[in-house]
Amino acid sequence: MREGLRNFKLVQEQWYSKEIEELFYFLGGVFENDGGERYYKYGLEYLVTNKNLGWQDISGLVKYIENPRKLEILMSKFSEVSTEKVLIGNEIEIPELKNFALFVAPYKRFSEKLGMIVIMASKINLYETTYAYLRFASNRLSEAFSKR
């Protein structure tokens, strides 16, 4: 599977999307991760350049995702998630992240939950699109692990 993700190419142009291509590269990176890190992070540059977020928002975000203890606190909020879930603003219950939305979905091997995918975005975003990418990534990971 690593080889397939490493060398993937979208054959039909009708399926091409820059976002889907980046998602495949991200998934490939997940499989290349040697397990040294518990969380695989990608895309901070998209949040930093988001015009809907101020420096105080970015500072709060960095405090949470770069501090292992705080990141663990944030991720522990989703340990019992068994299906897709979206938290917006104050629902996250962390004041520094009040201007963000979190999209969460588990990935599985058959019915066994292996982990979760969390997408963090500005509260102002295309929810349907972000949710579709989350489901796509979760389904592809679950499918890949279930074929092993």
N, C-alpha and C. Protein backbone atom coordinates (compact mmCIF):
# COMPACT_ATOMS: atom_id res chain seq x y z
N MET A 1 0.82 -1.17 0.00
CA MET A 1 0.00 0.00 0.00
C MET A 1 0.88 1.25 0.00
N ARG A 2 1.97 1.24 0.77
CA ARG A 2 2.88 2.38 0.78
C ARG A 2 3.36 2.69 -0.63
N GLU A 3 3.72 1.63 -1.35
CA GLU A 3 4.22 1.82 -2.72
C GLU A 3 3.14 2.43 -3.60
N GLY A 4 1.92 1.98 -3.43
CA GLY A 4 0.82 2.52 -4.24
C GLY A 4 0.57 3.99 -3.96
N LEU A 5 0.59 4.38 -2.70
CA LEU A 5 0.40 5.79 -2.37
C LEU A 5 1.60 6.64 -2.77
N ARG A 6 2.78 6.07 -2.66
CA ARG A 6 4.00 6.80 -3.01
C ARG A 6 4.04 7.12 -4.50
N ASN A 7 3.56 6.21 -5.33
CA ASN A 7 3.66 6.36 -6.78
C ASN A 7 2.32 6.65 -7.45
N PHE A 8 1.35 7.13 -6.69
CA PHE A 8 0.02 7.30 -7.26
C PHE A 8 0.00 8.40 -8.32
N LYS A 9 -0.89 8.22 -9.29
CA LYS A 9 -1.17 9.23 -10.31
C LYS A 9 -2.66 9.15 -10.60
N LEU A 10 -3.27 10.31 -10.73
CA LEU A 10 -4.67 10.34 -11.10
C LEU A 10 -4.73 10.15 -12.61
N VAL A 11 -5.29 9.03 -13.04
CA VAL A 11 -5.27 8.66 -14.45
C VAL A 11 -6.29 9.46 -15.26
N GLN A 12 -7.46 9.61 -14.71
CA GLN A 12 -8.50 10.31 -15.46
C GLN A 12 -8.58 11.76 -15.01
N GLU A 13 -8.46 12.66 -15.95
CA GLU A 13 -8.48 14.09 -15.65
C GLU A 13 -9.78 14.51 -14.95
N GLN A 14 -10.88 13.82 -15.21
CA GLN A 14 -12.14 14.21 -14.60
C GLN A 14 -12.10 14.08 -13.09
N TRP A 15 -11.20 13.25 -12.57
CA TRP A 15 -11.08 13.07 -11.13
C TRP A 15 -10.03 14.00 -10.53
N TYR A 16 -9.30 14.74 -11.36
CA TYR A 16 -8.21 15.55 -10.83
C TYR A 16 -8.72 16.74 -10.02
N SER A 17 -8.10 16.93 -8.91
CA SER A 17 -8.34 18.08 -8.05
C SER A 17 -7.07 18.28 -7.24
N LYS A 18 -6.61 19.49 -7.15
CA LYS A 18 -5.39 19.77 -6.38
C LYS A 18 -5.57 19.29 -4.94
N GLU A 19 -6.75 19.50 -4.36
CA GLU A 19 -7.01 19.08 -2.98
C GLU A 19 -6.93 17.56 -2.84
N ILE A 20 -7.51 16.83 -3.80
CA ILE A 20 -7.46 15.36 -3.74
C ILE A 20 -6.02 14.89 -3.90
N GLU A 21 -5.27 15.51 -4.80
CA GLU A 21 -3.88 15.13 -4.99
C GLU A 21 -3.08 15.35 -3.71
N GLU A 22 -3.27 16.50 -3.04
CA GLU A 22 -2.57 16.77 -1.79
C GLU A 22 -3.01 15.79 -0.71
N LEU A 23 -4.28 15.40 -0.71
CA LEU A 23 -4.77 14.43 0.27
C LEU A 23 -4.07 13.09 0.09
N PHE A 24 -3.88 12.65 -1.15
CA PHE A 24 -3.17 11.40 -1.38
C PHE A 24 -1.72 11.49 -0.91
N TYR A 25 -1.07 12.62 -1.15
CA TYR A 25 0.30 12.78 -0.67
C TYR A 25 0.35 12.77 0.85
N PHE A 26 -0.64 13.39 1.48
CA PHE A 26 -0.72 13.37 2.94
C PHE A 26 -0.89 11.95 3.45
N LEU A 27 -1.81 11.20 2.85
CA LEU A 27 -2.03 9.82 3.27
C LEU A 27 -0.77 8.99 3.08
N GLY A 28 -0.06 9.23 1.99
CA GLY A 28 1.21 8.55 1.78
C GLY A 28 2.19 8.86 2.88
N GLY A 29 2.22 10.11 3.32
CA GLY A 29 3.10 10.51 4.42
C GLY A 29 2.73 9.84 5.72
N VAL A 30 1.45 9.62 5.94
CA VAL A 30 1.01 8.93 7.15
C VAL A 30 1.60 7.52 7.18
N PHE A 31 1.57 6.85 6.03
CA PHE A 31 2.10 5.49 5.98
C PHE A 31 3.62 5.46 6.06
N GLU A 32 4.28 6.54 5.67
CA GLU A 32 5.74 6.61 5.74
C GLU A 32 6.20 6.95 7.15
N ASN A 33 5.30 7.51 7.96
CA ASN A 33 5.66 7.89 9.33
C ASN A 33 6.12 6.65 10.08
N ASP A 34 7.27 6.76 10.72
CA ASP A 34 7.84 5.60 11.40
C ASP A 34 7.23 5.33 12.76
N GLY A 35 6.20 6.06 13.12
CA GLY A 35 5.55 5.84 14.40
C GLY A 35 6.18 6.65 15.52
N GLY A 36 7.19 7.44 15.21
CA GLY A 36 7.86 8.24 16.21
C GLY A 36 6.95 9.33 16.77
N GLU A 37 6.04 9.81 15.96
CA GLU A 37 5.10 10.82 16.42
C GLU A 37 3.72 10.20 16.52
N ARG A 38 3.03 10.59 17.56
CA ARG A 38 1.68 10.06 17.74
C ARG A 38 0.68 10.72 16.80
N TYR A 39 0.93 12.00 16.49
CA TYR A 39 0.04 12.75 15.62
C TYR A 39 0.81 13.22 14.40
N TYR A 40 0.21 13.07 13.26
CA TYR A 40 0.82 13.52 12.01
C TYR A 40 0.11 14.80 11.62
N LYS A 41 0.84 15.90 11.54
CA LYS A 41 0.26 17.22 11.28
C LYS A 41 0.63 17.69 9.87
N TYR A 42 -0.34 18.32 9.23
CA TYR A 42 -0.13 18.78 7.87
C TYR A 42 -1.02 20.00 7.61
N GLY A 43 -0.51 20.98 6.91
CA GLY A 43 -1.34 22.06 6.41
C GLY A 43 -1.42 23.31 7.27
N LEU A 44 -0.55 23.46 8.25
CA LEU A 44 -0.59 24.65 9.08
C LEU A 44 -0.47 25.92 8.24
N GLU A 45 0.26 25.83 7.13
CA GLU A 45 0.43 27.02 6.28
C GLU A 45 -0.90 27.53 5.73
N TYR A 46 -1.89 26.64 5.58
CA TYR A 46 -3.20 27.08 5.09
C TYR A 46 -3.94 27.89 6.15
N LEU A 47 -3.78 27.50 7.40
CA LEU A 47 -4.43 28.26 8.47
C LEU A 47 -3.74 29.59 8.72
N VAL A 48 -2.42 29.60 8.66
CA VAL A 48 -1.66 30.83 8.90
C VAL A 48 -2.01 31.89 7.86
N THR A 49 -2.28 31.49 6.64
CA THR A 49 -2.58 32.45 5.58
C THR A 49 -4.08 32.71 5.41
N ASN A 50 -4.90 32.11 6.26
CA ASN A 50 -6.35 32.30 6.17
C ASN A 50 -6.72 33.72 6.60
N LYS A 51 -7.38 34.44 5.74
CA LYS A 51 -7.74 35.83 6.00
C LYS A 51 -8.81 35.98 7.09
N ASN A 52 -9.49 34.90 7.42
CA ASN A 52 -10.54 34.95 8.44
C ASN A 52 -9.99 34.78 9.86
N LEU A 53 -8.69 34.51 9.97
CA LEU A 53 -8.07 34.31 11.28
C LEU A 53 -7.05 35.40 11.56
N GLY A 54 -7.05 35.91 12.79
CA GLY A 54 -6.07 36.91 13.19
C GLY A 54 -4.87 36.26 13.85
N TRP A 55 -3.87 37.09 14.16
CA TRP A 55 -2.66 36.56 14.78
C TRP A 55 -2.92 35.95 16.15
N GLN A 56 -3.89 36.48 16.86
CA GLN A 56 -4.23 35.92 18.16
C GLN A 56 -4.79 34.50 17.99
N ASP A 57 -5.59 34.31 16.96
CA ASP A 57 -6.12 32.97 16.66
C ASP A 57 -4.99 32.01 16.32
N ILE A 58 -4.07 32.45 15.45
CA ILE A 58 -2.94 31.60 15.04
C ILE A 58 -2.06 31.28 16.23
N SER A 59 -1.81 32.26 17.07
CA SER A 59 -1.00 32.06 18.27
C SER A 59 -1.64 31.01 19.18
N GLY A 60 -2.94 31.11 19.39
CA GLY A 60 -3.65 30.13 20.21
C GLY A 60 -3.59 28.74 19.61
N LEU A 61 -3.71 28.68 18.30
CA LEU A 61 -3.64 27.39 17.60
C LEU A 61 -2.26 26.76 17.78
N VAL A 62 -1.21 27.55 17.56
CA VAL A 62 0.15 27.03 17.67
C VAL A 62 0.43 26.55 19.09
N LYS A 63 -0.08 27.26 20.07
CA LYS A 63 0.10 26.84 21.47
C LYS A 63 -0.47 25.45 21.71
N TYR A 64 -1.56 25.14 21.02
CA TYR A 64 -2.20 23.84 21.23
C TYR A 64 -1.60 22.73 20.38
N ILE A 65 -1.24 23.01 19.16
CA ILE A 65 -0.76 21.89 18.33
C ILE A 65 0.73 21.64 18.46
N GLU A 66 1.48 22.60 18.98
CA GLU A 66 2.93 22.39 19.13
C GLU A 66 3.33 22.00 20.55
N ASN A 67 2.42 22.09 21.48
CA ASN A 67 2.68 21.67 22.86
C ASN A 67 2.10 20.27 23.03
N PRO A 68 2.96 19.25 23.21
CA PRO A 68 2.45 17.87 23.27
C PRO A 68 1.38 17.65 24.34
N ARG A 69 1.53 18.28 25.50
CA ARG A 69 0.55 18.10 26.58
C ARG A 69 -0.80 18.70 26.19
N LYS A 70 -0.77 19.92 25.63
CA LYS A 70 -2.03 20.57 25.22
C LYS A 70 -2.65 19.86 24.03
N LEU A 71 -1.83 19.39 23.10
CA LEU A 71 -2.35 18.64 21.96
C LEU A 71 -3.04 17.36 22.43
N GLU A 72 -2.45 16.70 23.41
CA GLU A 72 -3.05 15.48 23.97
C GLU A 72 -4.40 15.80 24.62
N ILE A 73 -4.48 16.93 25.31
CA ILE A 73 -5.75 17.35 25.91
C ILE A 73 -6.80 17.56 24.83
N LEU A 74 -6.41 18.26 23.77
CA LEU A 74 -7.33 18.51 22.66
C LEU A 74 -7.78 17.20 22.02
N MET A 75 -6.85 16.33 21.72
CA MET A 75 -7.19 15.07 21.04
C MET A 75 -7.99 14.13 21.93
N SER A 76 -7.78 14.20 23.23
CA SER A 76 -8.52 13.31 24.14
C SER A 76 -10.02 13.61 24.11
N LYS A 77 -10.39 14.80 23.67
CA LYS A 77 -11.81 15.14 23.55
C LYS A 77 -12.51 14.25 22.52
N PHE A 78 -11.71 13.63 21.65
CA PHE A 78 -12.29 12.83 20.56
C PHE A 78 -12.05 11.33 20.72
N SER A 79 -11.55 10.91 21.86
CA SER A 79 -11.20 9.50 22.03
C SER A 79 -12.41 8.57 21.90
N GLU A 80 -13.58 9.06 22.21
CA GLU A 80 -14.78 8.22 22.14
C GLU A 80 -15.59 8.42 20.86
N VAL A 81 -15.09 9.23 19.95
CA VAL A 81 -15.82 9.50 18.70
C VAL A 81 -15.86 8.23 17.86
N SER A 82 -17.06 7.81 17.48
CA SER A 82 -17.19 6.59 16.68
C SER A 82 -17.74 6.88 15.27
N THR A 83 -18.13 8.11 15.03
CA THR A 83 -18.62 8.52 13.72
C THR A 83 -18.18 9.97 13.49
N GLU A 84 -18.44 10.49 12.30
CA GLU A 84 -18.02 11.85 12.00
C GLU A 84 -18.66 12.85 12.96
N LYS A 85 -17.90 13.88 13.28
CA LYS A 85 -18.39 14.90 14.21
C LYS A 85 -17.76 16.23 13.83
N VAL A 86 -18.53 17.31 14.00
CA VAL A 86 -18.04 18.66 13.73
C VAL A 86 -18.28 19.51 14.97
N LEU A 87 -17.23 20.18 15.43
CA LEU A 87 -17.34 21.11 16.56
C LEU A 87 -16.99 22.49 16.04
N ILE A 88 -17.82 23.46 16.39
CA ILE A 88 -17.63 24.82 15.87
C ILE A 88 -17.48 25.79 17.04
N GLY A 89 -16.39 26.56 16.99
CA GLY A 89 -16.18 27.64 17.95
C GLY A 89 -16.19 27.21 19.40
N ASN A 90 -17.12 27.74 20.17
CA ASN A 90 -17.19 27.47 21.61
C ASN A 90 -17.49 26.01 21.93
N GLU A 91 -18.00 25.25 20.97
CA GLU A 91 -18.26 23.82 21.19
C GLU A 91 -16.95 23.07 21.46
N ILE A 92 -15.82 23.62 21.00
CA ILE A 92 -14.52 22.99 21.23
C ILE A 92 -14.13 23.11 22.69
N GLU A 93 -14.68 24.11 23.39
CA GLU A 93 -14.46 24.33 24.82
C GLU A 93 -13.02 24.71 25.16
N ILE A 94 -12.35 25.36 24.22
CA ILE A 94 -11.01 25.89 24.44
C ILE A 94 -11.04 27.33 23.92
N PRO A 95 -10.94 28.31 24.83
CA PRO A 95 -11.07 29.72 24.41
C PRO A 95 -10.14 30.12 23.26
N GLU A 96 -8.91 29.62 23.25
CA GLU A 96 -7.96 29.99 22.20
C GLU A 96 -8.38 29.48 20.82
N LEU A 97 -9.28 28.53 20.78
CA LEU A 97 -9.70 27.93 19.50
C LEU A 97 -11.13 28.30 19.13
N LYS A 98 -11.64 29.38 19.72
CA LYS A 98 -13.04 29.75 19.51
C LYS A 98 -13.37 30.16 18.07
N ASN A 99 -12.37 30.51 17.28
CA ASN A 99 -12.61 30.90 15.90
C ASN A 99 -12.32 29.79 14.90
N PHE A 100 -12.27 28.57 15.41
CA PHE A 100 -11.97 27.41 14.57
C PHE A 100 -13.14 26.44 14.56
N ALA A 101 -13.12 25.57 13.58
CA ALA A 101 -14.04 24.44 13.51
C ALA A 101 -13.18 23.18 13.42
N LEU A 102 -13.58 22.14 14.11
CA LEU A 102 -12.87 20.87 14.07
C LEU A 102 -13.79 19.82 13.46
N PHE A 103 -13.27 19.13 12.46
CA PHE A 103 -13.98 18.05 11.79
C PHE A 103 -13.25 16.77 12.19
N VAL A 104 -13.97 15.80 12.75
CA VAL A 104 -13.34 14.60 13.27
C VAL A 104 -14.03 13.36 12.71
N ALA A 105 -13.21 12.37 12.32
CA ALA A 105 -13.76 11.09 11.86
C ALA A 105 -12.78 9.99 12.23
N PRO A 106 -13.29 8.85 12.67
CA PRO A 106 -12.40 7.73 12.94
C PRO A 106 -12.04 7.00 11.65
N TYR A 107 -10.92 6.29 11.68
CA TYR A 107 -10.64 5.34 10.62
C TYR A 107 -10.46 3.98 11.31
N LYS A 108 -10.80 2.93 10.58
CA LYS A 108 -10.93 1.61 11.21
C LYS A 108 -10.28 0.52 10.38
N ARG A 109 -10.09 -0.58 11.01
CA ARG A 109 -9.76 -1.85 10.34
C ARG A 109 -10.94 -2.75 10.64
N PHE A 110 -11.77 -2.95 9.65
CA PHE A 110 -13.08 -3.59 9.81
C PHE A 110 -13.86 -2.79 10.84
N SER A 111 -14.20 -3.33 12.01
CA SER A 111 -14.96 -2.55 13.00
C SER A 111 -14.07 -2.02 14.13
N GLU A 112 -12.78 -2.30 14.08
CA GLU A 112 -11.86 -1.86 15.13
C GLU A 112 -11.35 -0.45 14.82
N LYS A 113 -11.61 0.48 15.72
CA LYS A 113 -11.13 1.86 15.54
C LYS A 113 -9.62 1.90 15.73
N LEU A 114 -8.92 2.40 14.72
CA LEU A 114 -7.45 2.49 14.79
C LEU A 114 -6.98 3.88 15.18
N GLY A 115 -7.71 4.89 14.77
CA GLY A 115 -7.31 6.27 15.04
C GLY A 115 -8.35 7.21 14.51
N MET A 116 -7.95 8.47 14.42
CA MET A 116 -8.90 9.45 13.93
C MET A 116 -8.21 10.50 13.08
N ILE A 117 -9.00 11.09 12.23
CA ILE A 117 -8.55 12.19 11.40
C ILE A 117 -9.24 13.43 11.95
N VAL A 118 -8.45 14.48 12.15
CA VAL A 118 -9.01 15.75 12.63
C VAL A 118 -8.59 16.83 11.64
N ILE A 119 -9.57 17.53 11.11
CA ILE A 119 -9.30 18.67 10.25
C ILE A 119 -9.67 19.92 11.03
N MET A 120 -8.72 20.82 11.13
CA MET A 120 -8.97 22.09 11.81
C MET A 120 -9.06 23.17 10.75
N ALA A 121 -10.11 23.97 10.83
CA ALA A 121 -10.34 25.03 9.84
C ALA A 121 -10.88 26.27 10.55
N SER A 122 -10.89 27.37 9.85
CA SER A 122 -11.54 28.57 10.36
C SER A 122 -13.03 28.27 10.50
N LYS A 123 -13.68 28.96 11.45
CA LYS A 123 -15.13 28.81 11.57
C LYS A 123 -15.82 29.21 10.27
N ILE A 124 -15.19 30.10 9.52
CA ILE A 124 -15.74 30.54 8.24
C ILE A 124 -15.07 29.70 7.16
N ASN A 125 -15.77 28.68 6.70
CA ASN A 125 -15.23 27.80 5.67
C ASN A 125 -16.37 27.12 4.93
N LEU A 126 -16.03 26.39 3.91
CA LEU A 126 -17.04 25.65 3.14
C LEU A 126 -17.24 24.30 3.84
N TYR A 127 -18.20 24.25 4.74
CA TYR A 127 -18.41 23.07 5.58
C TYR A 127 -18.67 21.80 4.78
N GLU A 128 -19.48 21.91 3.75
CA GLU A 128 -19.81 20.72 2.96
C GLU A 128 -18.56 20.15 2.29
N THR A 129 -17.71 21.02 1.77
CA THR A 129 -16.49 20.59 1.09
C THR A 129 -15.52 19.97 2.08
N THR A 130 -15.30 20.64 3.21
CA THR A 130 -14.38 20.13 4.23
C THR A 130 -14.87 18.79 4.75
N TYR A 131 -16.15 18.68 5.01
CA TYR A 131 -16.73 17.44 5.50
C TYR A 131 -16.58 16.32 4.46
N ALA A 132 -16.74 16.64 3.20
CA ALA A 132 -16.57 15.64 2.14
C ALA A 132 -15.13 15.14 2.09
N TYR A 133 -14.14 16.04 2.25
CA TYR A 133 -12.74 15.62 2.28
C TYR A 133 -12.45 14.74 3.50
N LEU A 134 -13.04 15.10 4.62
CA LEU A 134 -12.87 14.29 5.83
C LEU A 134 -13.40 12.87 5.62
N ARG A 135 -14.59 12.76 5.09
CA ARG A 135 -15.19 11.43 4.84
C ARG A 135 -14.37 10.65 3.83
N PHE A 136 -13.90 11.32 2.78
CA PHE A 136 -13.09 10.67 1.77
C PHE A 136 -11.83 10.08 2.41
N ALA A 137 -11.11 10.89 3.18
CA ALA A 137 -9.87 10.43 3.82
C ALA A 137 -10.15 9.30 4.80
N SER A 138 -11.16 9.44 5.60
CA SER A 138 -11.51 8.41 6.58
C SER A 138 -11.88 7.09 5.89
N ASN A 139 -12.69 7.18 4.84
CA ASN A 139 -13.10 5.98 4.12
C ASN A 139 -11.92 5.31 3.42
N ARG A 140 -11.03 6.09 2.81
CA ARG A 140 -9.87 5.51 2.11
C ARG A 140 -8.92 4.84 3.10
N LEU A 141 -8.67 5.47 4.24
CA LEU A 141 -7.80 4.85 5.24
C LEU A 141 -8.43 3.56 5.78
N SER A 142 -9.72 3.62 6.10
CA SER A 142 -10.41 2.42 6.61
C SER A 142 -10.38 1.30 5.57
N GLU A 143 -10.61 1.66 4.34
CA GLU A 143 -10.57 0.68 3.24
C GLU A 143 -9.18 0.07 3.12
N ALA A 144 -8.15 0.90 3.17
CA ALA A 144 -6.78 0.41 3.04
C ALA A 144 -6.41 -0.52 4.19
N PHE A 145 -6.75 -0.14 5.41
CA PHE A 145 -6.41 -0.99 6.56
C PHE A 145 -7.23 -2.27 6.58
N SER A 146 -8.44 -2.24 6.07
CA SER A 146 -9.29 -3.44 6.08
C SER A 146 -8.87 -4.44 5.01
N LYS A 147 -8.10 -4.01 4.03
CA LYS A 147 -7.63 -4.93 2.99
C LYS A 147 -6.35 -5.63 3.38
N ARG A 148 -5.75 -5.24 4.47
CA ARG A 148 -4.46 -5.83 4.89
C ARG A 148 -4.66 -7.20 5.45
